[in-house]
Amino acid sequence: MTAASKPAVGMVNLVVMQ
């Protein structure tokens, strides 16, 4: 994963958690 993708992944993680 690239550093630029990190923030996007975090957002996806929040959605997946819900």
N, C-alpha and C. Protein backbone atom coordinates (compact mmCIF):
# COMPACT_ATOMS: atom_id res chain seq x y z
N MET A 1 0.86 -1.21 0.00
CA MET A 1 0.00 0.00 0.00
C MET A 1 0.89 1.26 0.00
N THR A 2 0.49 2.26 -0.73
CA THR A 2 1.28 3.50 -0.77
C THR A 2 0.82 4.46 0.31
N ALA A 3 1.69 5.38 0.68
CA ALA A 3 1.33 6.34 1.74
C ALA A 3 0.07 7.12 1.34
N ALA A 4 -0.08 7.40 0.05
CA ALA A 4 -1.24 8.18 -0.40
C ALA A 4 -2.52 7.37 -0.21
N SER A 5 -2.39 6.04 -0.28
CA SER A 5 -3.59 5.20 -0.14
C SER A 5 -3.96 5.01 1.34
N LYS A 6 -3.01 5.27 2.21
CA LYS A 6 -3.28 5.07 3.65
C LYS A 6 -4.56 5.77 4.11
N PRO A 7 -4.70 7.06 3.89
CA PRO A 7 -5.92 7.77 4.34
C PRO A 7 -7.18 7.16 3.74
N ALA A 8 -7.10 6.77 2.46
CA ALA A 8 -8.29 6.18 1.82
C ALA A 8 -8.62 4.86 2.50
N VAL A 9 -7.60 4.07 2.80
CA VAL A 9 -7.83 2.78 3.46
C VAL A 9 -8.48 3.00 4.82
N GLY A 10 -8.04 4.01 5.54
CA GLY A 10 -8.61 4.30 6.86
C GLY A 10 -10.10 4.58 6.74
N MET A 11 -10.47 5.32 5.70
CA MET A 11 -11.89 5.66 5.50
C MET A 11 -12.67 4.38 5.22
N VAL A 12 -12.11 3.52 4.39
CA VAL A 12 -12.78 2.24 4.06
C VAL A 12 -12.92 1.41 5.33
N ASN A 13 -11.89 1.41 6.16
CA ASN A 13 -11.94 0.64 7.40
C ASN A 13 -13.11 1.10 8.26
N LEU A 14 -13.33 2.40 8.34
CA LEU A 14 -14.44 2.92 9.14
C LEU A 14 -15.77 2.42 8.58
N VAL A 15 -15.89 2.42 7.26
CA VAL A 15 -17.14 1.96 6.64
C VAL A 15 -17.32 0.48 6.89
N VAL A 16 -16.25 -0.29 6.77
CA VAL A 16 -16.34 -1.73 6.99
C VAL A 16 -16.74 -2.02 8.44
N MET A 17 -16.19 -1.23 9.35
CA MET A 17 -16.53 -1.44 10.78
C MET A 17 -18.02 -1.27 10.99
N GLN A 18 -18.62 -0.29 10.29
CA GLN A 18 -20.05 -0.06 10.48
C GLN A 18 -20.82 -1.17 9.79
